[in-house]
């Protein structure tokens, strides 16, 4: 993977594509809160990650684009969640990914999706709404989101990915917030549900809270889904 990305725009989003060294390598979509794909690429290189192209997507309306339905904010000072994931997914599938593929010399071997926090939630949600992503990674995914666990347990995926990766910080559930403290319980319920379905899934607990080593945790998740 190249160190220097190709910056472009599609559908009002800031995009940076870090092409693979080898044409035809997998393409990983990463919805990015910070708009900084470079830190993830650096971490991936530290891990000697398998070759891939990485698309970092920024300028997201985070609490809208990444959330499956509306809900009030459970974090002081943060705006409410407005449930625009379906609309954003349509843009991703029909505008952003096609524009990205036009910049690659060959069609990717497969396309995966990865995300941290609410983008991890979105990555999982996308499995129930489309069959585009063959591998999925959710790092510190916001699986505390109201009614999401019930949604997963009560619905079938559009297409089962060949590899799924979950991770969480071991201190993320240690909070007084009654909603946020459900994150580990919900993550493990969904993980066990996927195990029972016979899916190829792994789950990792990392040291620290939600904000520790986000780039490295993201890189570890991407590395995990690049290996069959």
C-alpha atoms as a PDB file:
ATOM      1  CA  UNK A   1       0.000   0.000   0.000  1.00  0.00           C
ATOM      2  CA  UNK A   2       1.273   3.446  -0.874  1.00  0.00           C
ATOM      3  CA  UNK A   3       2.001   5.953   1.897  1.00  0.00           C
ATOM      4  CA  UNK A   4       0.594   8.894  -0.023  1.00  0.00           C
ATOM      5  CA  UNK A   5      -3.095   8.917  -0.797  1.00  0.00           C
ATOM      6  CA  UNK A   6      -5.043  10.217  -3.749  1.00  0.00           C
ATOM      7  CA  UNK A   7      -7.484  12.905  -2.606  1.00  0.00           C
ATOM      8  CA  UNK A   8     -10.787  13.368  -4.405  1.00  0.00           C
ATOM      9  CA  UNK A   9     -14.453  14.023  -3.688  1.00  0.00           C
ATOM     10  CA  UNK A  10     -17.706  12.236  -4.430  1.00  0.00           C
ATOM     11  CA  UNK A  11     -21.201  12.930  -3.128  1.00  0.00           C
ATOM     12  CA  UNK A  12     -19.891  15.744  -0.960  1.00  0.00           C
ATOM     13  CA  UNK A  13     -17.512  13.476   0.958  1.00  0.00           C
ATOM     14  CA  UNK A  14     -13.758  13.909   1.273  1.00  0.00           C
ATOM     15  CA  UNK A  15     -12.086  10.749   0.025  1.00  0.00           C
ATOM     16  CA  UNK A  16      -8.506   9.563   0.192  1.00  0.00           C
ATOM     17  CA  UNK A  17      -7.517   6.402  -1.635  1.00  0.00           C
ATOM     18  CA  UNK A  18      -4.321   4.625  -0.656  1.00  0.00           C
ATOM     19  CA  UNK A  19      -3.795   2.208  -3.580  1.00  0.00           C
ATOM     20  CA  UNK A  20      -2.430  -1.284  -3.086  1.00  0.00           C
ATOM     21  CA  UNK A  21       1.039  -2.159  -4.302  1.00  0.00           C
ATOM     22  CA  UNK A  22      -0.399  -4.959  -6.415  1.00  0.00           C
ATOM     23  CA  UNK A  23      -3.283  -4.404  -8.830  1.00  0.00           C
ATOM     24  CA  UNK A  24      -6.400  -6.356  -7.986  1.00  0.00           C
ATOM     25  CA  UNK A  25      -5.733  -6.462  -4.235  1.00  0.00           C
ATOM     26  CA  UNK A  26      -8.726  -6.109  -1.905  1.00  0.00           C
ATOM     27  CA  UNK A  27     -10.375  -2.749  -1.335  1.00  0.00           C
ATOM     28  CA  UNK A  28     -11.276  -1.794   2.248  1.00  0.00           C
ATOM     29  CA  UNK A  29     -13.774   0.990   2.878  1.00  0.00           C
ATOM     30  CA  UNK A  30     -13.124   2.918   6.111  1.00  0.00           C
ATOM     31  CA  UNK A  31     -15.623   5.522   7.293  1.00  0.00           C
ATOM     32  CA  UNK A  32     -13.434   7.932   9.218  1.00  0.00           C
ATOM     33  CA  UNK A  33     -14.423  10.349  11.985  1.00  0.00           C
ATOM     34  CA  UNK A  34     -11.112  12.212  11.925  1.00  0.00           C
ATOM     35  CA  UNK A  35     -10.616  12.331   8.132  1.00  0.00           C
ATOM     36  CA  UNK A  36      -7.064  11.054   8.790  1.00  0.00           C
ATOM     37  CA  UNK A  37      -6.382   7.866   6.892  1.00  0.00           C
ATOM     38  CA  UNK A  38      -2.626   8.347   7.102  1.00  0.00           C
ATOM     39  CA  UNK A  39      -2.415   7.270  10.749  1.00  0.00           C
ATOM     40  CA  UNK A  40      -4.234   4.036   9.920  1.00  0.00           C
ATOM     41  CA  UNK A  41      -1.979   3.339   6.944  1.00  0.00           C
ATOM     42  CA  UNK A  42       1.063   3.897   9.179  1.00  0.00           C
ATOM     43  CA  UNK A  43      -0.316   1.453  11.757  1.00  0.00           C
ATOM     44  CA  UNK A  44      -1.106  -1.103   9.056  1.00  0.00           C
ATOM     45  CA  UNK A  45       2.495  -0.945   7.871  1.00  0.00           C
ATOM     46  CA  UNK A  46       3.738  -1.427  11.439  1.00  0.00           C
ATOM     47  CA  UNK A  47       1.671  -4.618  11.535  1.00  0.00           C
ATOM     48  CA  UNK A  48       3.010  -5.754   8.141  1.00  0.00           C
ATOM     49  CA  UNK A  49      -0.603  -5.918   7.031  1.00  0.00           C
ATOM     50  CA  UNK A  50      -1.486  -7.816   3.863  1.00  0.00           C
ATOM     51  CA  UNK A  51      -1.627  -5.658   0.750  1.00  0.00           C
ATOM     52  CA  UNK A  52      -4.869  -3.827   0.036  1.00  0.00           C
ATOM     53  CA  UNK A  53      -6.257  -0.535  -1.160  1.00  0.00           C
ATOM     54  CA  UNK A  54      -7.740   1.597   1.614  1.00  0.00           C
ATOM     55  CA  UNK A  55     -10.425   4.214   1.013  1.00  0.00           C
ATOM     56  CA  UNK A  56     -10.739   6.674   3.894  1.00  0.00           C
ATOM     57  CA  UNK A  57     -14.035   8.589   3.811  1.00  0.00           C
ATOM     58  CA  UNK A  58     -14.300  11.884   5.673  1.00  0.00           C
ATOM     59  CA  UNK A  59     -16.632  14.868   5.932  1.00  0.00           C
ATOM     60  CA  UNK A  60     -19.316  12.567   7.297  1.00  0.00           C
ATOM     61  CA  UNK A  61     -22.379  13.763   9.150  1.00  0.00           C
ATOM     62  CA  UNK A  62     -21.328  11.331  11.847  1.00  0.00           C
ATOM     63  CA  UNK A  63     -24.485  11.132  13.965  1.00  0.00           C
ATOM     64  CA  UNK A  64     -26.658  10.887  10.871  1.00  0.00           C
ATOM     65  CA  UNK A  65     -24.720   8.913   8.262  1.00  0.00           C
ATOM     66  CA  UNK A  66     -23.586   6.203  10.667  1.00  0.00           C
ATOM     67  CA  UNK A  67     -26.847   5.568  12.554  1.00  0.00           C
ATOM     68  CA  UNK A  68     -29.619   3.178  11.439  1.00  0.00           C
ATOM     69  CA  UNK A  69     -32.533   5.033  13.061  1.00  0.00           C
ATOM     70  CA  UNK A  70     -33.228   8.065  15.191  1.00  0.00           C
ATOM     71  CA  UNK A  71     -32.388   8.170  18.892  1.00  0.00           C
ATOM     72  CA  UNK A  72     -31.659  10.881  21.442  1.00  0.00           C
ATOM     73  CA  UNK A  73     -28.063  11.530  22.397  1.00  0.00           C
ATOM     74  CA  UNK A  74     -26.823   9.708  25.466  1.00  0.00           C
ATOM     75  CA  UNK A  75     -23.612  11.714  25.655  1.00  0.00           C
ATOM     76  CA  UNK A  76     -23.727  15.214  27.204  1.00  0.00           C
ATOM     77  CA  UNK A  77     -23.249  17.958  24.626  1.00  0.00           C
ATOM     78  CA  UNK A  78     -23.611  15.665  21.598  1.00  0.00           C
ATOM     79  CA  UNK A  79     -26.382  16.108  19.061  1.00  0.00           C
ATOM     80  CA  UNK A  80     -29.077  13.507  18.597  1.00  0.00           C
ATOM     81  CA  UNK A  81     -28.768  10.562  16.217  1.00  0.00           C
ATOM     82  CA  UNK A  82     -30.878  11.086  13.112  1.00  0.00           C
ATOM     83  CA  UNK A  83     -30.795   7.705  11.393  1.00  0.00           C
ATOM     84  CA  UNK A  84     -29.421   8.445   7.929  1.00  0.00           C
ATOM     85  CA  UNK A  85     -27.501   5.196   7.428  1.00  0.00           C
ATOM     86  CA  UNK A  86     -29.769   3.861   4.667  1.00  0.00           C
ATOM     87  CA  UNK A  87     -29.409   7.054   2.649  1.00  0.00           C
ATOM     88  CA  UNK A  88     -25.660   7.179   3.150  1.00  0.00           C
ATOM     89  CA  UNK A  89     -25.269   3.487   2.271  1.00  0.00           C
ATOM     90  CA  UNK A  90     -27.039   4.153  -1.026  1.00  0.00           C
ATOM     91  CA  UNK A  91     -24.566   6.960  -1.769  1.00  0.00           C
ATOM     92  CA  UNK A  92     -21.645   4.758  -0.776  1.00  0.00           C
ATOM     93  CA  UNK A  93     -22.730   1.899  -3.027  1.00  0.00           C
ATOM     94  CA  UNK A  94     -23.824   3.909  -6.040  1.00  0.00           C
ATOM     95  CA  UNK A  95     -21.491   6.906  -6.096  1.00  0.00           C
ATOM     96  CA  UNK A  96     -18.472   6.603  -3.821  1.00  0.00           C
ATOM     97  CA  UNK A  97     -17.389   3.013  -4.501  1.00  0.00           C
ATOM     98  CA  UNK A  98     -17.856   3.211  -8.298  1.00  0.00           C
ATOM     99  CA  UNK A  99     -15.821   6.446  -8.396  1.00  0.00           C
ATOM    100  CA  UNK A 100     -13.130   4.772  -6.298  1.00  0.00           C
ATOM    101  CA  UNK A 101     -12.972   1.704  -8.522  1.00  0.00           C
ATOM    102  CA  UNK A 102     -12.449   3.945 -11.553  1.00  0.00           C
ATOM    103  CA  UNK A 103      -9.200   5.064  -9.956  1.00  0.00           C
ATOM    104  CA  UNK A 104      -7.923   1.498  -9.558  1.00  0.00           C
ATOM    105  CA  UNK A 105      -6.176  -0.249 -12.424  1.00  0.00           C
ATOM    106  CA  UNK A 106      -8.029  -3.535 -11.799  1.00  0.00           C
ATOM    107  CA  UNK A 107     -11.188  -4.628 -10.039  1.00  0.00           C
ATOM    108  CA  UNK A 108     -10.445  -5.536  -6.396  1.00  0.00           C
ATOM    109  CA  UNK A 109     -10.351  -9.188  -5.379  1.00  0.00           C
ATOM    110  CA  UNK A 110     -13.067  -8.295  -2.852  1.00  0.00           C
ATOM    111  CA  UNK A 111     -14.429  -5.249  -1.048  1.00  0.00           C
ATOM    112  CA  UNK A 112     -14.586  -5.075   2.723  1.00  0.00           C
ATOM    113  CA  UNK A 113     -15.824  -2.441   5.148  1.00  0.00           C
ATOM    114  CA  UNK A 114     -14.348  -1.388   8.474  1.00  0.00           C
ATOM    115  CA  UNK A 115     -15.110   1.277  11.029  1.00  0.00           C
ATOM    116  CA  UNK A 116     -14.520   2.514  14.544  1.00  0.00           C
ATOM    117  CA  UNK A 117     -17.203   3.617  17.041  1.00  0.00           C
ATOM    118  CA  UNK A 118     -20.427   4.559  15.190  1.00  0.00           C
ATOM    119  CA  UNK A 119     -18.731   3.531  11.941  1.00  0.00           C
ATOM    120  CA  UNK A 120     -18.310   0.070  13.464  1.00  0.00           C
ATOM    121  CA  UNK A 121     -22.052   0.033  14.096  1.00  0.00           C
ATOM    122  CA  UNK A 122     -22.623   1.074  10.475  1.00  0.00           C
ATOM    123  CA  UNK A 123     -20.326  -1.682   9.202  1.00  0.00           C
ATOM    124  CA  UNK A 124     -22.437  -4.320  10.933  1.00  0.00           C
ATOM    125  CA  UNK A 125     -25.709  -2.703   9.875  1.00  0.00           C
ATOM    126  CA  UNK A 126     -24.584  -2.735   6.245  1.00  0.00           C
ATOM    127  CA  UNK A 127     -24.574  -6.556   6.280  1.00  0.00           C
ATOM    128  CA  UNK A 128     -28.343  -6.466   6.691  1.00  0.00           C
ATOM    129  CA  UNK A 129     -28.917  -3.938   3.914  1.00  0.00           C
ATOM    130  CA  UNK A 130     -26.639  -4.988   1.057  1.00  0.00           C
ATOM    131  CA  UNK A 131     -24.466  -7.829  -0.211  1.00  0.00           C
ATOM    132  CA  UNK A 132     -21.555  -5.661  -1.341  1.00  0.00           C
ATOM    133  CA  UNK A 133     -19.093  -6.268   1.490  1.00  0.00           C
ATOM    134  CA  UNK A 134     -17.468  -9.669   1.675  1.00  0.00           C
ATOM    135  CA  UNK A 135     -15.579  -8.946   4.906  1.00  0.00           C
ATOM    136  CA  UNK A 136     -16.506  -6.691   7.820  1.00  0.00           C
ATOM    137  CA  UNK A 137     -14.619  -5.217  10.796  1.00  0.00           C
ATOM    138  CA  UNK A 138     -16.149  -3.320  13.723  1.00  0.00           C
ATOM    139  CA  UNK A 139     -13.660  -1.816  16.159  1.00  0.00           C
ATOM    140  CA  UNK A 140     -15.086  -0.437  19.415  1.00  0.00           C
ATOM    141  CA  UNK A 141     -18.406  -0.486  17.600  1.00  0.00           C
ATOM    142  CA  UNK A 142     -21.231   1.501  19.213  1.00  0.00           C
ATOM    143  CA  UNK A 143     -23.276  -1.604  19.905  1.00  0.00           C
ATOM    144  CA  UNK A 144     -24.878   0.149  22.844  1.00  0.00           C
ATOM    145  CA  UNK A 145     -27.079   1.831  20.230  1.00  0.00           C
ATOM    146  CA  UNK A 146     -30.747   1.438  21.274  1.00  0.00           C
ATOM    147  CA  UNK A 147     -32.514  -1.659  19.909  1.00  0.00           C
ATOM    148  CA  UNK A 148     -29.584  -2.626  17.694  1.00  0.00           C
ATOM    149  CA  UNK A 149     -28.886  -5.936  19.406  1.00  0.00           C
ATOM    150  CA  UNK A 150     -32.578  -6.827  19.095  1.00  0.00           C
ATOM    151  CA  UNK A 151     -32.428  -5.881  15.414  1.00  0.00           C
ATOM    152  CA  UNK A 152     -29.454  -8.190  14.797  1.00  0.00           C
ATOM    153  CA  UNK A 153     -31.013 -11.096  16.664  1.00  0.00           C
ATOM    154  CA  UNK A 154     -34.302 -10.686  14.807  1.00  0.00           C
ATOM    155  CA  UNK A 155     -33.122 -10.181  11.216  1.00  0.00           C
ATOM    156  CA  UNK A 156     -31.165 -12.103   8.603  1.00  0.00           C
ATOM    157  CA  UNK A 157     -28.175 -10.735   6.730  1.00  0.00           C
ATOM    158  CA  UNK A 158     -28.552  -9.951   3.053  1.00  0.00           C
ATOM    159  CA  UNK A 159     -25.360 -11.928   2.474  1.00  0.00           C
ATOM    160  CA  UNK A 160     -23.085 -13.538   5.068  1.00  0.00           C
ATOM    161  CA  UNK A 161     -19.515 -12.180   4.908  1.00  0.00           C
ATOM    162  CA  UNK A 162     -16.646 -14.648   4.724  1.00  0.00           C
ATOM    163  CA  UNK A 163     -14.896 -12.957   7.679  1.00  0.00           C
ATOM    164  CA  UNK A 164     -16.097 -10.707  10.535  1.00  0.00           C
ATOM    165  CA  UNK A 165     -13.942  -9.076  13.222  1.00  0.00           C
ATOM    166  CA  UNK A 166     -15.038  -7.399  16.458  1.00  0.00           C
ATOM    167  CA  UNK A 167     -12.916  -5.602  19.021  1.00  0.00           C
ATOM    168  CA  UNK A 168     -13.583  -3.578  22.140  1.00  0.00           C
ATOM    169  CA  UNK A 169     -11.589  -1.825  24.843  1.00  0.00           C
ATOM    170  CA  UNK A 170     -11.758  -3.675  28.150  1.00  0.00           C
ATOM    171  CA  UNK A 171     -12.689  -0.460  29.984  1.00  0.00           C
ATOM    172  CA  UNK A 172     -15.403   0.757  27.605  1.00  0.00           C
ATOM    173  CA  UNK A 173     -18.249  -0.682  29.663  1.00  0.00           C
ATOM    174  CA  UNK A 174     -16.888   0.804  32.896  1.00  0.00           C
ATOM    175  CA  UNK A 175     -19.018   3.942  32.849  1.00  0.00           C
ATOM    176  CA  UNK A 176     -21.914   5.295  34.854  1.00  0.00           C
ATOM    177  CA  UNK A 177     -23.846   6.013  31.656  1.00  0.00           C
ATOM    178  CA  UNK A 178     -26.600   3.346  31.653  1.00  0.00           C
ATOM    179  CA  UNK A 179     -26.739   3.163  27.854  1.00  0.00           C
ATOM    180  CA  UNK A 180     -23.019   3.173  27.078  1.00  0.00           C
ATOM    181  CA  UNK A 181     -22.262   0.587  29.764  1.00  0.00           C
ATOM    182  CA  UNK A 182     -24.170  -2.051  27.755  1.00  0.00           C
ATOM    183  CA  UNK A 183     -21.567  -2.018  24.972  1.00  0.00           C
ATOM    184  CA  UNK A 184     -19.592  -5.096  26.047  1.00  0.00           C
ATOM    185  CA  UNK A 185     -22.674  -7.136  26.930  1.00  0.00           C
ATOM    186  CA  UNK A 186     -24.255  -6.314  23.572  1.00  0.00           C
ATOM    187  CA  UNK A 187     -21.062  -6.923  21.617  1.00  0.00           C
ATOM    188  CA  UNK A 188     -20.677 -10.347  23.187  1.00  0.00           C
ATOM    189  CA  UNK A 189     -24.336 -11.226  22.592  1.00  0.00           C
ATOM    190  CA  UNK A 190     -23.965 -10.424  18.906  1.00  0.00           C
ATOM    191  CA  UNK A 191     -20.631 -12.247  18.715  1.00  0.00           C
ATOM    192  CA  UNK A 192     -22.160 -15.378  20.279  1.00  0.00           C
ATOM    193  CA  UNK A 193     -25.153 -15.110  17.917  1.00  0.00           C
ATOM    194  CA  UNK A 194     -22.824 -15.061  14.918  1.00  0.00           C
ATOM    195  CA  UNK A 195     -20.891 -17.995  16.315  1.00  0.00           C
ATOM    196  CA  UNK A 196     -24.109 -19.993  16.544  1.00  0.00           C
ATOM    197  CA  UNK A 197     -24.818 -19.125  12.911  1.00  0.00           C
ATOM    198  CA  UNK A 198     -21.448 -20.684  12.033  1.00  0.00           C
ATOM    199  CA  UNK A 199     -19.912 -17.446  10.763  1.00  0.00           C
ATOM    200  CA  UNK A 200     -16.164 -16.949  10.562  1.00  0.00           C
ATOM    201  CA  UNK A 201     -15.838 -14.334  13.319  1.00  0.00           C
ATOM    202  CA  UNK A 202     -13.197 -13.262  15.803  1.00  0.00           C
ATOM    203  CA  UNK A 203     -13.458 -10.999  18.843  1.00  0.00           C
ATOM    204  CA  UNK A 204     -10.628  -9.225  20.624  1.00  0.00           C
ATOM    205  CA  UNK A 205     -10.522  -7.239  23.870  1.00  0.00           C
ATOM    206  CA  UNK A 206      -7.913  -4.488  23.875  1.00  0.00           C
ATOM    207  CA  UNK A 207      -6.468  -2.678  26.867  1.00  0.00           C
ATOM    208  CA  UNK A 208      -8.040   0.701  27.588  1.00  0.00           C
ATOM    209  CA  UNK A 209     -11.108   2.815  27.055  1.00  0.00           C
ATOM    210  CA  UNK A 210     -12.913   3.799  23.862  1.00  0.00           C
ATOM    211  CA  UNK A 211     -10.353   6.399  22.834  1.00  0.00           C
ATOM    212  CA  UNK A 212      -7.099   4.512  23.322  1.00  0.00           C
ATOM    213  CA  UNK A 213      -5.019   3.540  20.264  1.00  0.00           C
ATOM    214  CA  UNK A 214      -7.881   4.017  17.795  1.00  0.00           C
ATOM    215  CA  UNK A 215      -5.620   3.980  14.727  1.00  0.00           C
ATOM    216  CA  UNK A 216      -3.787   0.816  15.781  1.00  0.00           C
ATOM    217  CA  UNK A 217      -7.025  -0.926  16.772  1.00  0.00           C
ATOM    218  CA  UNK A 218      -8.457   0.014  13.378  1.00  0.00           C
ATOM    219  CA  UNK A 219      -5.393  -1.342  11.621  1.00  0.00           C
ATOM    220  CA  UNK A 220      -5.602  -4.608  13.587  1.00  0.00           C
ATOM    221  CA  UNK A 221      -9.202  -5.062  12.492  1.00  0.00           C
ATOM    222  CA  UNK A 222      -8.404  -4.404   8.855  1.00  0.00           C
ATOM    223  CA  UNK A 223      -5.454  -6.788   9.023  1.00  0.00           C
ATOM    224  CA  UNK A 224      -7.687  -9.493  10.499  1.00  0.00           C
ATOM    225  CA  UNK A 225     -10.249  -9.403   7.688  1.00  0.00           C
ATOM    226  CA  UNK A 226      -7.599  -9.454   4.985  1.00  0.00           C
ATOM    227  CA  UNK A 227      -6.659 -12.965   6.108  1.00  0.00           C
ATOM    228  CA  UNK A 228      -9.139 -15.657   5.082  1.00  0.00           C
END
